[in-house]
Amino acid sequence: MSELREHAGRRYAIQSLYAGPDDAWTIELSEAVPAPAAWAGIPNTMSHRPGAAFLAAFVPDEDPTLEPTVHIHSHDEHVIPYEIMRWFMEQVTEQVERCRAAYAQQKLEAVE
């Protein structure tokens, strides 16, 4: 799943995916890049897509004792506007809450 947002003339993307080997959800923040020209003829296709991630949050969903972490993936300096960082962290917070609620539900069902 990916979401796009424009801020001050620049486009940003958040992409969420499950990293099986890490047993964690990954939420990535990147600048959005133009979609390939070949996509132009496809109905309901986005004009931009996520680029290379420069921030990635890992939210473990199998072990509640592991803390979510944010990793910086960049060789260059990136300036992240406050509103974009808030948007990213809101997405991370929502994923943490979903994972913790699911784990609590599983624990409750195991007791019953």
PDB file of N, CA and C in Angstrom:
ATOM      1  N   MET A   1       0.840  -1.168   0.000  1.00  0.00           N
ATOM      2  CA  MET A   1       0.000   0.000   0.000  1.00  0.00           C
ATOM      3  C   MET A   1       0.892   1.242   0.000  1.00  0.00           C
ATOM      4  N   SER A   2       0.519   2.240  -0.768  1.00  0.00           N
ATOM      5  CA  SER A   2       1.280   3.482  -0.745  1.00  0.00           C
ATOM      6  C   SER A   2       0.323   4.672  -0.778  1.00  0.00           C
ATOM      7  N   GLU A   3       0.778   5.759  -0.156  1.00  0.00           N
ATOM      8  CA  GLU A   3       0.031   7.009  -0.139  1.00  0.00           C
ATOM      9  C   GLU A   3       0.969   8.116  -0.586  1.00  0.00           C
ATOM     10  N   LEU A   4       0.402   9.092  -1.264  1.00  0.00           N
ATOM     11  CA  LEU A   4       1.183  10.236  -1.727  1.00  0.00           C
ATOM     12  C   LEU A   4       0.655  11.503  -1.086  1.00  0.00           C
ATOM     13  N   ARG A   5       1.559  12.458  -0.874  1.00  0.00           N
ATOM     14  CA  ARG A   5       1.176  13.755  -0.331  1.00  0.00           C
ATOM     15  C   ARG A   5       2.104  14.806  -0.920  1.00  0.00           C
ATOM     16  N   GLU A   6       1.530  15.949  -1.239  1.00  0.00           N
ATOM     17  CA  GLU A   6       2.333  17.062  -1.754  1.00  0.00           C
ATOM     18  C   GLU A   6       2.493  18.100  -0.651  1.00  0.00           C
ATOM     19  N   HIS A   7       3.687  18.661  -0.568  1.00  0.00           N
ATOM     20  CA  HIS A   7       3.966  19.710   0.414  1.00  0.00           C
ATOM     21  C   HIS A   7       4.989  20.669  -0.189  1.00  0.00           C
ATOM     22  N   ALA A   8       4.635  21.934  -0.248  1.00  0.00           N
ATOM     23  CA  ALA A   8       5.524  22.986  -0.750  1.00  0.00           C
ATOM     24  C   ALA A   8       6.096  22.638  -2.129  1.00  0.00           C
ATOM     25  N   GLY A   9       5.249  22.095  -2.993  1.00  0.00           N
ATOM     26  CA  GLY A   9       5.658  21.802  -4.365  1.00  0.00           C
ATOM     27  C   GLY A   9       6.419  20.498  -4.555  1.00  0.00           C
ATOM     28  N   ARG A  10       6.629  19.735  -3.497  1.00  0.00           N
ATOM     29  CA  ARG A  10       7.315  18.442  -3.605  1.00  0.00           C
ATOM     30  C   ARG A  10       6.346  17.342  -3.228  1.00  0.00           C
ATOM     31  N   ARG A  11       6.533  16.199  -3.849  1.00  0.00           N
ATOM     32  CA  ARG A  11       5.671  15.051  -3.554  1.00  0.00           C
ATOM     33  C   ARG A  11       6.434  14.032  -2.724  1.00  0.00           C
ATOM     34  N   TYR A  12       5.738  13.483  -1.736  1.00  0.00           N
ATOM     35  CA  TYR A  12       6.308  12.475  -0.846  1.00  0.00           C
ATOM     36  C   TYR A  12       5.411  11.246  -0.893  1.00  0.00           C
ATOM     37  N   ALA A  13       5.998  10.097  -0.564  1.00  0.00           N
ATOM     38  CA  ALA A  13       5.246   8.846  -0.566  1.00  0.00           C
ATOM     39  C   ALA A  13       5.543   8.074   0.707  1.00  0.00           C
ATOM     40  N   ILE A  14       4.510   7.416   1.201  1.00  0.00           N
ATOM     41  CA  ILE A  14       4.664   6.451   2.279  1.00  0.00           C
ATOM     42  C   ILE A  14       4.207   5.115   1.722  1.00  0.00           C
ATOM     43  N   GLN A  15       5.041   4.138   1.918  1.00  0.00           N
ATOM     44  CA  GLN A  15       4.742   2.781   1.451  1.00  0.00           C
ATOM     45  C   GLN A  15       4.834   1.839   2.639  1.00  0.00           C
ATOM     46  N   SER A  16       3.841   0.979   2.795  1.00  0.00           N
ATOM     47  CA  SER A  16       3.824  -0.010   3.869  1.00  0.00           C
ATOM     48  C   SER A  16       3.905  -1.399   3.267  1.00  0.00           C
ATOM     49  N   LEU A  17       4.759  -2.229   3.868  1.00  0.00           N
ATOM     50  CA  LEU A  17       4.877  -3.614   3.408  1.00  0.00           C
ATOM     51  C   LEU A  17       5.315  -4.488   4.563  1.00  0.00           C
ATOM     52  N   TYR A  18       5.084  -5.781   4.417  1.00  0.00           N
ATOM     53  CA  TYR A  18       5.466  -6.709   5.478  1.00  0.00           C
ATOM     54  C   TYR A  18       6.814  -7.323   5.138  1.00  0.00           C
ATOM     55  N   ALA A  19       7.750  -7.232   6.080  1.00  0.00           N
ATOM     56  CA  ALA A  19       9.077  -7.820   5.915  1.00  0.00           C
ATOM     57  C   ALA A  19       9.081  -9.156   6.654  1.00  0.00           C
ATOM     58  N   GLY A  20       8.762 -10.220   5.960  1.00  0.00           N
ATOM     59  CA  GLY A  20       8.654 -11.550   6.551  1.00  0.00           C
ATOM     60  C   GLY A  20       9.866 -12.000   7.343  1.00  0.00           C
ATOM     61  N   PRO A  21      11.063 -11.872   6.789  1.00  0.00           N
ATOM     62  CA  PRO A  21      12.237 -12.331   7.544  1.00  0.00           C
ATOM     63  C   PRO A  21      12.423 -11.596   8.878  1.00  0.00           C
ATOM     64  N   ASP A  22      11.957 -10.362   8.960  1.00  0.00           N
ATOM     65  CA  ASP A  22      12.093  -9.576  10.186  1.00  0.00           C
ATOM     66  C   ASP A  22      10.870  -9.692  11.100  1.00  0.00           C
ATOM     67  N   ASP A  23       9.811 -10.378  10.628  1.00  0.00           N
ATOM     68  CA  ASP A  23       8.549 -10.430  11.366  1.00  0.00           C
ATOM     69  C   ASP A  23       8.125  -9.032  11.783  1.00  0.00           C
ATOM     70  N   ALA A  24       8.130  -8.115  10.817  1.00  0.00           N
ATOM     71  CA  ALA A  24       7.804  -6.719  11.123  1.00  0.00           C
ATOM     72  C   ALA A  24       7.169  -6.040   9.914  1.00  0.00           C
ATOM     73  N   TRP A  25       6.339  -5.077  10.207  1.00  0.00           N
ATOM     74  CA  TRP A  25       5.824  -4.189   9.177  1.00  0.00           C
ATOM     75  C   TRP A  25       6.859  -3.104   8.948  1.00  0.00           C
ATOM     76  N   THR A  26       7.024  -2.725   7.706  1.00  0.00           N
ATOM     77  CA  THR A  26       7.945  -1.661   7.343  1.00  0.00           C
ATOM     78  C   THR A  26       7.138  -0.520   6.746  1.00  0.00           C
ATOM     79  N   ILE A  27       7.343   0.670   7.265  1.00  0.00           N
ATOM     80  CA  ILE A  27       6.717   1.874   6.726  1.00  0.00           C
ATOM     81  C   ILE A  27       7.858   2.740   6.223  1.00  0.00           C
ATOM     82  N   GLU A  28       7.842   3.041   4.923  1.00  0.00           N
ATOM     83  CA  GLU A  28       8.945   3.781   4.296  1.00  0.00           C
ATOM     84  C   GLU A  28       8.484   5.153   3.837  1.00  0.00           C
ATOM     85  N   LEU A  29       9.337   6.146   4.033  1.00  0.00           N
ATOM     86  CA  LEU A  29       9.098   7.502   3.542  1.00  0.00           C
ATOM     87  C   LEU A  29      10.104   7.802   2.447  1.00  0.00           C
ATOM     88  N   SER A  30       9.598   8.337   1.332  1.00  0.00           N
ATOM     89  CA  SER A  30      10.473   8.702   0.221  1.00  0.00           C
ATOM     90  C   SER A  30       9.883   9.907  -0.497  1.00  0.00           C
ATOM     91  N   GLU A  31      10.671  10.463  -1.396  1.00  0.00           N
ATOM     92  CA  GLU A  31      10.102  11.433  -2.326  1.00  0.00           C
ATOM     93  C   GLU A  31       9.437  10.623  -3.429  1.00  0.00           C
ATOM     94  N   ALA A  32       8.306  11.098  -3.877  1.00  0.00           N
ATOM     95  CA  ALA A  32       7.616  10.407  -4.963  1.00  0.00           C
ATOM     96  C   ALA A  32       8.306  10.741  -6.280  1.00  0.00           C
ATOM     97  N   VAL A  33       8.338   9.771  -7.160  1.00  0.00           N
ATOM     98  CA  VAL A  33       8.955   9.954  -8.484  1.00  0.00           C
ATOM     99  C   VAL A  33       7.889   9.726  -9.548  1.00  0.00           C
ATOM    100  N   PRO A  34       8.065  10.326 -10.717  1.00  0.00           N
ATOM    101  CA  PRO A  34       7.078  10.117 -11.773  1.00  0.00           C
ATOM    102  C   PRO A  34       6.946   8.639 -12.128  1.00  0.00           C
ATOM    103  N   ALA A  35       5.729   8.232 -12.372  1.00  0.00           N
ATOM    104  CA  ALA A  35       5.467   6.859 -12.798  1.00  0.00           C
ATOM    105  C   ALA A  35       6.039   6.666 -14.204  1.00  0.00           C
ATOM    106  N   PRO A  36       6.373   5.434 -14.561  1.00  0.00           N
ATOM    107  CA  PRO A  36       6.888   5.181 -15.912  1.00  0.00           C
ATOM    108  C   PRO A  36       5.889   5.624 -16.985  1.00  0.00           C
ATOM    109  N   ALA A  37       6.397   6.099 -18.088  1.00  0.00           N
ATOM    110  CA  ALA A  37       5.543   6.559 -19.191  1.00  0.00           C
ATOM    111  C   ALA A  37       4.606   5.451 -19.673  1.00  0.00           C
ATOM    112  N   ALA A  38       5.030   4.206 -19.550  1.00  0.00           N
ATOM    113  CA  ALA A  38       4.209   3.078 -19.995  1.00  0.00           C
ATOM    114  C   ALA A  38       2.912   2.962 -19.197  1.00  0.00           C
ATOM    115  N   TRP A  39       2.865   3.551 -18.010  1.00  0.00           N
ATOM    116  CA  TRP A  39       1.660   3.496 -17.196  1.00  0.00           C
ATOM    117  C   TRP A  39       0.599   4.493 -17.647  1.00  0.00           C
ATOM    118  N   ALA A  40       0.961   5.417 -18.526  1.00  0.00           N
ATOM    119  CA  ALA A  40       0.066   6.518 -18.911  1.00  0.00           C
ATOM    120  C   ALA A  40      -1.269   6.033 -19.463  1.00  0.00           C
ATOM    121  N   GLY A  41      -1.282   4.937 -20.180  1.00  0.00           N
ATOM    122  CA  GLY A  41      -2.517   4.448 -20.780  1.00  0.00           C
ATOM    123  C   GLY A  41      -3.368   3.586 -19.871  1.00  0.00           C
ATOM    124  N   ILE A  42      -2.932   3.332 -18.674  1.00  0.00           N
ATOM    125  CA  ILE A  42      -3.666   2.469 -17.747  1.00  0.00           C
ATOM    126  C   ILE A  42      -4.640   3.321 -16.939  1.00  0.00           C
ATOM    127  N   PRO A  43      -5.935   3.002 -16.988  1.00  0.00           N
ATOM    128  CA  PRO A  43      -6.913   3.793 -16.237  1.00  0.00           C
ATOM    129  C   PRO A  43      -6.662   3.749 -14.729  1.00  0.00           C
ATOM    130  N   ASN A  44      -6.957   4.851 -14.060  1.00  0.00           N
ATOM    131  CA  ASN A  44      -6.856   4.980 -12.598  1.00  0.00           C
ATOM    132  C   ASN A  44      -5.449   4.728 -12.057  1.00  0.00           C
ATOM    133  N   THR A  45      -4.432   4.960 -12.862  1.00  0.00           N
ATOM    134  CA  THR A  45      -3.053   4.775 -12.423  1.00  0.00           C
ATOM    135  C   THR A  45      -2.518   6.093 -11.891  1.00  0.00           C
ATOM    136  N   MET A  46      -1.737   6.012 -10.819  1.00  0.00           N
ATOM    137  CA  MET A  46      -1.157   7.214 -10.222  1.00  0.00           C
ATOM    138  C   MET A  46      -0.078   7.790 -11.138  1.00  0.00           C
ATOM    139  N   SER A  47       0.073   9.097 -11.097  1.00  0.00           N
ATOM    140  CA  SER A  47       1.093   9.756 -11.916  1.00  0.00           C
ATOM    141  C   SER A  47       2.476   9.679 -11.266  1.00  0.00           C
ATOM    142  N   HIS A  48       2.509   9.375  -9.966  1.00  0.00           N
ATOM    143  CA  HIS A  48       3.769   9.247  -9.231  1.00  0.00           C
ATOM    144  C   HIS A  48       3.742   7.977  -8.401  1.00  0.00           C
ATOM    145  N   ARG A  49       4.921   7.530  -8.026  1.00  0.00           N
ATOM    146  CA  ARG A  49       5.043   6.326  -7.197  1.00  0.00           C
ATOM    147  C   ARG A  49       6.155   6.548  -6.184  1.00  0.00           C
ATOM    148  N   PRO A  50       6.244   5.693  -5.163  1.00  0.00           N
ATOM    149  CA  PRO A  50       7.318   5.877  -4.177  1.00  0.00           C
ATOM    150  C   PRO A  50       8.695   5.751  -4.813  1.00  0.00           C
ATOM    151  N   GLY A  51       9.613   6.591  -4.377  1.00  0.00           N
ATOM    152  CA  GLY A  51      10.999   6.506  -4.818  1.00  0.00           C
ATOM    153  C   GLY A  51      11.798   5.702  -3.803  1.00  0.00           C
ATOM    154  N   ALA A  52      13.097   5.905  -3.815  1.00  0.00           N
ATOM    155  CA  ALA A  52      13.967   5.211  -2.856  1.00  0.00           C
ATOM    156  C   ALA A  52      13.714   5.766  -1.455  1.00  0.00           C
ATOM    157  N   ALA A  53      13.472   4.880  -0.510  1.00  0.00           N
ATOM    158  CA  ALA A  53      13.153   5.290   0.859  1.00  0.00           C
ATOM    159  C   ALA A  53      14.362   5.916   1.538  1.00  0.00           C
ATOM    160  N   PHE A  54      14.124   7.010   2.274  1.00  0.00           N
ATOM    161  CA  PHE A  54      15.193   7.589   3.069  1.00  0.00           C
ATOM    162  C   PHE A  54      14.916   7.460   4.563  1.00  0.00           C
ATOM    163  N   LEU A  55      13.693   7.099   4.930  1.00  0.00           N
ATOM    164  CA  LEU A  55      13.354   6.747   6.312  1.00  0.00           C
ATOM    165  C   LEU A  55      12.540   5.464   6.268  1.00  0.00           C
ATOM    166  N   ALA A  56      12.812   4.560   7.189  1.00  0.00           N
ATOM    167  CA  ALA A  56      12.036   3.328   7.284  1.00  0.00           C
ATOM    168  C   ALA A  56      11.808   3.005   8.748  1.00  0.00           C
ATOM    169  N   ALA A  57      10.557   2.769   9.093  1.00  0.00           N
ATOM    170  CA  ALA A  57      10.216   2.342  10.449  1.00  0.00           C
ATOM    171  C   ALA A  57       9.900   0.858  10.398  1.00  0.00           C
ATOM    172  N   PHE A  58      10.435   0.121  11.362  1.00  0.00           N
ATOM    173  CA  PHE A  58      10.167  -1.309  11.473  1.00  0.00           C
ATOM    174  C   PHE A  58       9.329  -1.528  12.724  1.00  0.00           C
ATOM    175  N   VAL A  59       8.152  -2.138  12.537  1.00  0.00           N
ATOM    176  CA  VAL A  59       7.215  -2.361  13.628  1.00  0.00           C
ATOM    177  C   VAL A  59       7.036  -3.869  13.791  1.00  0.00           C
ATOM    178  N   PRO A  60       7.710  -4.475  14.789  1.00  0.00           N
ATOM    179  CA  PRO A  60       7.588  -5.924  15.005  1.00  0.00           C
ATOM    180  C   PRO A  60       6.146  -6.299  15.358  1.00  0.00           C
ATOM    181  N   ASP A  61       5.680  -7.406  14.805  1.00  0.00           N
ATOM    182  CA  ASP A  61       4.315  -7.827  15.125  1.00  0.00           C
ATOM    183  C   ASP A  61       4.256  -9.224  15.737  1.00  0.00           C
ATOM    184  N   GLU A  62       5.374  -9.869  15.928  1.00  0.00           N
ATOM    185  CA  GLU A  62       5.392 -11.207  16.519  1.00  0.00           C
ATOM    186  C   GLU A  62       5.853 -11.196  17.968  1.00  0.00           C
ATOM    187  N   ASP A  63       6.667 -10.240  18.339  1.00  0.00           N
ATOM    188  CA  ASP A  63       7.240 -10.186  19.682  1.00  0.00           C
ATOM    189  C   ASP A  63       6.995  -8.798  20.273  1.00  0.00           C
ATOM    190  N   PRO A  64       6.052  -8.677  21.220  1.00  0.00           N
ATOM    191  CA  PRO A  64       5.720  -7.365  21.767  1.00  0.00           C
ATOM    192  C   PRO A  64       6.842  -6.751  22.608  1.00  0.00           C
ATOM    193  N   THR A  65       7.866  -7.510  22.934  1.00  0.00           N
ATOM    194  CA  THR A  65       8.971  -6.941  23.706  1.00  0.00           C
ATOM    195  C   THR A  65       9.942  -6.173  22.815  1.00  0.00           C
ATOM    196  N   LEU A  66       9.857  -6.377  21.510  1.00  0.00           N
ATOM    197  CA  LEU A  66      10.724  -5.634  20.587  1.00  0.00           C
ATOM    198  C   LEU A  66      10.113  -4.266  20.307  1.00  0.00           C
ATOM    199  N   GLU A  67      10.926  -3.237  20.382  1.00  0.00           N
ATOM    200  CA  GLU A  67      10.447  -1.879  20.138  1.00  0.00           C
ATOM    201  C   GLU A  67      10.479  -1.554  18.649  1.00  0.00           C
ATOM    202  N   PRO A  68       9.508  -0.746  18.204  1.00  0.00           N
ATOM    203  CA  PRO A  68       9.603  -0.221  16.839  1.00  0.00           C
ATOM    204  C   PRO A  68      10.849   0.659  16.724  1.00  0.00           C
ATOM    205  N   THR A  69      11.447   0.684  15.557  1.00  0.00           N
ATOM    206  CA  THR A  69      12.642   1.492  15.332  1.00  0.00           C
ATOM    207  C   THR A  69      12.503   2.259  14.023  1.00  0.00           C
ATOM    208  N   VAL A  70      13.207   3.371  13.921  1.00  0.00           N
ATOM    209  CA  VAL A  70      13.250   4.157  12.690  1.00  0.00           C
ATOM    210  C   VAL A  70      14.690   4.158  12.206  1.00  0.00           C
ATOM    211  N   HIS A  71      14.868   3.821  10.937  1.00  0.00           N
ATOM    212  CA  HIS A  71      16.200   3.747  10.335  1.00  0.00           C
ATOM    213  C   HIS A  71      16.317   4.823   9.259  1.00  0.00           C
ATOM    214  N   ILE A  72      17.476   5.443   9.179  1.00  0.00           N
ATOM    215  CA  ILE A  72      17.746   6.450   8.153  1.00  0.00           C
ATOM    216  C   ILE A  72      18.549   5.779   7.053  1.00  0.00           C
ATOM    217  N   HIS A  73      18.020   5.845   5.829  1.00  0.00           N
ATOM    218  CA  HIS A  73      18.675   5.232   4.678  1.00  0.00           C
ATOM    219  C   HIS A  73      19.006   6.332   3.671  1.00  0.00           C
ATOM    220  N   SER A  74      20.151   6.938   3.814  1.00  0.00           N
ATOM    221  CA  SER A  74      20.460   8.021   2.901  1.00  0.00           C
ATOM    222  C   SER A  74      21.955   8.297   2.869  1.00  0.00           C
ATOM    223  N   HIS A  75      22.449   8.510   1.670  1.00  0.00           N
ATOM    224  CA  HIS A  75      23.830   8.945   1.517  1.00  0.00           C
ATOM    225  C   HIS A  75      23.879  10.469   1.406  1.00  0.00           C
ATOM    226  N   ASP A  76      22.746  11.052   1.049  1.00  0.00           N
ATOM    227  CA  ASP A  76      22.634  12.499   0.904  1.00  0.00           C
ATOM    228  C   ASP A  76      21.791  13.059   2.048  1.00  0.00           C
ATOM    229  N   GLU A  77      21.917  14.340   2.250  1.00  0.00           N
ATOM    230  CA  GLU A  77      21.088  14.996   3.251  1.00  0.00           C
ATOM    231  C   GLU A  77      19.684  15.199   2.687  1.00  0.00           C
ATOM    232  N   HIS A  78      18.684  14.892   3.482  1.00  0.00           N
ATOM    233  CA  HIS A  78      17.293  15.130   3.111  1.00  0.00           C
ATOM    234  C   HIS A  78      16.677  16.051   4.140  1.00  0.00           C
ATOM    235  N   VAL A  79      16.026  17.082   3.680  1.00  0.00           N
ATOM    236  CA  VAL A  79      15.279  17.963   4.559  1.00  0.00           C
ATOM    237  C   VAL A  79      13.836  17.484   4.520  1.00  0.00           C
ATOM    238  N   ILE A  80      13.329  17.137   5.691  1.00  0.00           N
ATOM    239  CA  ILE A  80      11.965  16.628   5.767  1.00  0.00           C
ATOM    240  C   ILE A  80      11.107  17.684   6.450  1.00  0.00           C
ATOM    241  N   PRO A  81      10.129  18.231   5.742  1.00  0.00           N
ATOM    242  CA  PRO A  81       9.256  19.228   6.358  1.00  0.00           C
ATOM    243  C   PRO A  81       8.520  18.626   7.564  1.00  0.00           C
ATOM    244  N   TYR A  82       8.289  19.467   8.538  1.00  0.00           N
ATOM    245  CA  TYR A  82       7.630  19.042   9.774  1.00  0.00           C
ATOM    246  C   TYR A  82       6.318  18.308   9.501  1.00  0.00           C
ATOM    247  N   GLU A  83       5.465  18.859   8.638  1.00  0.00           N
ATOM    248  CA  GLU A  83       4.167  18.236   8.363  1.00  0.00           C
ATOM    249  C   GLU A  83       4.323  16.852   7.733  1.00  0.00           C
ATOM    250  N   ILE A  84       5.345  16.663   6.919  1.00  0.00           N
ATOM    251  CA  ILE A  84       5.590  15.354   6.305  1.00  0.00           C
ATOM    252  C   ILE A  84       6.091  14.375   7.365  1.00  0.00           C
ATOM    253  N   MET A  85       6.953  14.836   8.260  1.00  0.00           N
ATOM    254  CA  MET A  85       7.430  13.968   9.331  1.00  0.00           C
ATOM    255  C   MET A  85       6.287  13.565  10.254  1.00  0.00           C
ATOM    256  N   ARG A  86       5.401  14.497  10.558  1.00  0.00           N
ATOM    257  CA  ARG A  86       4.220  14.175  11.375  1.00  0.00           C
ATOM    258  C   ARG A  86       3.360  13.130  10.680  1.00  0.00           C
ATOM    259  N   TRP A  87       3.134  13.295   9.388  1.00  0.00           N
ATOM    260  CA  TRP A  87       2.342  12.341   8.606  1.00  0.00           C
ATOM    261  C   TRP A  87       2.976  10.951   8.682  1.00  0.00           C
ATOM    262  N   PHE A  88       4.291  10.888   8.492  1.00  0.00           N
ATOM    263  CA  PHE A  88       5.005   9.613   8.562  1.00  0.00           C
ATOM    264  C   PHE A  88       4.851   8.992   9.950  1.00  0.00           C
ATOM    265  N   MET A  89       5.090   9.767  10.983  1.00  0.00           N
ATOM    266  CA  MET A  89       5.025   9.228  12.346  1.00  0.00           C
ATOM    267  C   MET A  89       3.594   8.836  12.734  1.00  0.00           C
ATOM    268  N   GLU A  90       2.598   9.517  12.198  1.00  0.00           N
ATOM    269  CA  GLU A  90       1.209   9.106  12.433  1.00  0.00           C
ATOM    270  C   GLU A  90       0.963   7.720  11.833  1.00  0.00           C
ATOM    271  N   GLN A  91       1.504   7.488  10.636  1.00  0.00           N
ATOM    272  CA  GLN A  91       1.362   6.174  10.002  1.00  0.00           C
ATOM    273  C   GLN A  91       2.064   5.099  10.829  1.00  0.00           C
ATOM    274  N   VAL A  92       3.242   5.423  11.338  1.00  0.00           N
ATOM    275  CA  VAL A  92       3.990   4.477  12.174  1.00  0.00           C
ATOM    276  C   VAL A  92       3.207   4.191  13.456  1.00  0.00           C
ATOM    277  N   THR A  93       2.699   5.226  14.096  1.00  0.00           N
ATOM    278  CA  THR A  93       1.931   5.069  15.333  1.00  0.00           C
ATOM    279  C   THR A  93       0.707   4.192  15.112  1.00  0.00           C
ATOM    280  N   GLU A  94      -0.002   4.410  14.024  1.00  0.00           N
ATOM    281  CA  GLU A  94      -1.186   3.589  13.726  1.00  0.00           C
ATOM    282  C   GLU A  94      -0.798   2.123  13.558  1.00  0.00           C
ATOM    283  N   GLN A  95       0.336   1.856  12.900  1.00  0.00           N
ATOM    284  CA  GLN A  95       0.771   0.477  12.713  1.00  0.00           C
ATOM    285  C   GLN A  95       1.172  -0.155  14.037  1.00  0.00           C
ATOM    286  N   VAL A  96       1.859   0.595  14.898  1.00  0.00           N
ATOM    287  CA  VAL A  96       2.224   0.088  16.229  1.00  0.00           C
ATOM    288  C   VAL A  96       0.956  -0.289  16.990  1.00  0.00           C
ATOM    289  N   GLU A  97      -0.042   0.577  16.973  1.00  0.00           N
ATOM    290  CA  GLU A  97      -1.285   0.306  17.693  1.00  0.00           C
ATOM    291  C   GLU A  97      -1.997  -0.917  17.137  1.00  0.00           C
ATOM    292  N   ARG A  98      -2.022  -1.085  15.805  1.00  0.00           N
ATOM    293  CA  ARG A  98      -2.656  -2.268  15.201  1.00  0.00           C
ATOM    294  C   ARG A  98      -1.937  -3.548  15.619  1.00  0.00           C
ATOM    295  N   CYS A  99      -0.607  -3.515  15.581  1.00  0.00           N
ATOM    296  CA  CYS A  99       0.169  -4.706  15.940  1.00  0.00           C
ATOM    297  C   CYS A  99      -0.021  -5.066  17.411  1.00  0.00           C
ATOM    298  N   ARG A 100      -0.007  -4.081  18.274  1.00  0.00           N
ATOM    299  CA  ARG A 100      -0.179  -4.350  19.705  1.00  0.00           C
ATOM    300  C   ARG A 100      -1.584  -4.842  20.013  1.00  0.00           C
ATOM    301  N   ALA A 101      -2.582  -4.289  19.346  1.00  0.00           N
ATOM    302  CA  ALA A 101      -3.958  -4.749  19.555  1.00  0.00           C
ATOM    303  C   ALA A 101      -4.122  -6.188  19.066  1.00  0.00           C
ATOM    304  N   ALA A 102      -3.531  -6.511  17.932  1.00  0.00           N
ATOM    305  CA  ALA A 102      -3.620  -7.878  17.400  1.00  0.00           C
ATOM    306  C   ALA A 102      -2.927  -8.859  18.329  1.00  0.00           C
ATOM    307  N   TYR A 103      -1.766  -8.465  18.860  1.00  0.00           N
ATOM    308  CA  TYR A 103      -1.046  -9.347  19.781  1.00  0.00           C
ATOM    309  C   TYR A 103      -1.855  -9.555  21.056  1.00  0.00           C
ATOM    310  N   ALA A 104      -2.450  -8.504  21.586  1.00  0.00           N
ATOM    311  CA  ALA A 104      -3.262  -8.612  22.799  1.00  0.00           C
ATOM    312  C   ALA A 104      -4.467  -9.512  22.556  1.00  0.00           C
ATOM    313  N   GLN A 105      -5.067  -9.399  21.384  1.00  0.00           N
ATOM    314  CA  GLN A 105      -6.215 -10.236  21.035  1.00  0.00           C
ATOM    315  C   GLN A 105      -5.800 -11.705  20.948  1.00  0.00           C
ATOM    316  N   GLN A 106      -4.664 -11.978  20.335  1.00  0.00           N
ATOM    317  CA  GLN A 106      -4.163 -13.357  20.234  1.00  0.00           C
ATOM    318  C   GLN A 106      -3.899 -13.928  21.624  1.00  0.00           C
ATOM    319  N   LYS A 107      -3.320 -13.128  22.489  1.00  0.00           N
ATOM    320  CA  LYS A 107      -3.023 -13.569  23.848  1.00  0.00           C
ATOM    321  C   LYS A 107      -4.309 -13.876  24.599  1.00  0.00           C
ATOM    322  N   LEU A 108      -5.326 -13.027  24.421  1.00  0.00           N
ATOM    323  CA  LEU A 108      -6.607 -13.228  25.069  1.00  0.00           C
ATOM    324  C   LEU A 108      -7.269 -14.502  24.562  1.00  0.00           C
ATOM    325  N   GLU A 109      -7.224 -14.731  23.264  1.00  0.00           N
ATOM    326  CA  GLU A 109      -7.839 -15.935  22.679  1.00  0.00           C
ATOM    327  C   GLU A 109      -7.108 -17.202  23.136  1.00  0.00           C
ATOM    328  N   ALA A 110      -5.795 -17.102  23.355  1.00  0.00           N
ATOM    329  CA  ALA A 110      -5.034 -18.262  23.813  1.00  0.00           C
ATOM    330  C   ALA A 110      -5.417 -18.645  25.246  1.00  0.00           C
ATOM    331  N   VAL A 111      -5.804 -17.657  26.055  1.00  0.00           N
ATOM    332  CA  VAL A 111      -6.202 -17.907  27.440  1.00  0.00           C
ATOM    333  C   VAL A 111      -7.574 -18.566  27.497  1.00  0.00           C
ATOM    334  N   GLU A 112      -8.447 -18.187  26.576  1.00  0.00           N
ATOM    335  CA  GLU A 112      -9.827 -18.693  26.564  1.00  0.00           C
ATOM    336  C   GLU A 112      -9.878 -20.090  26.118  1.00  0.00           C
TER     337      GLU A 112
END
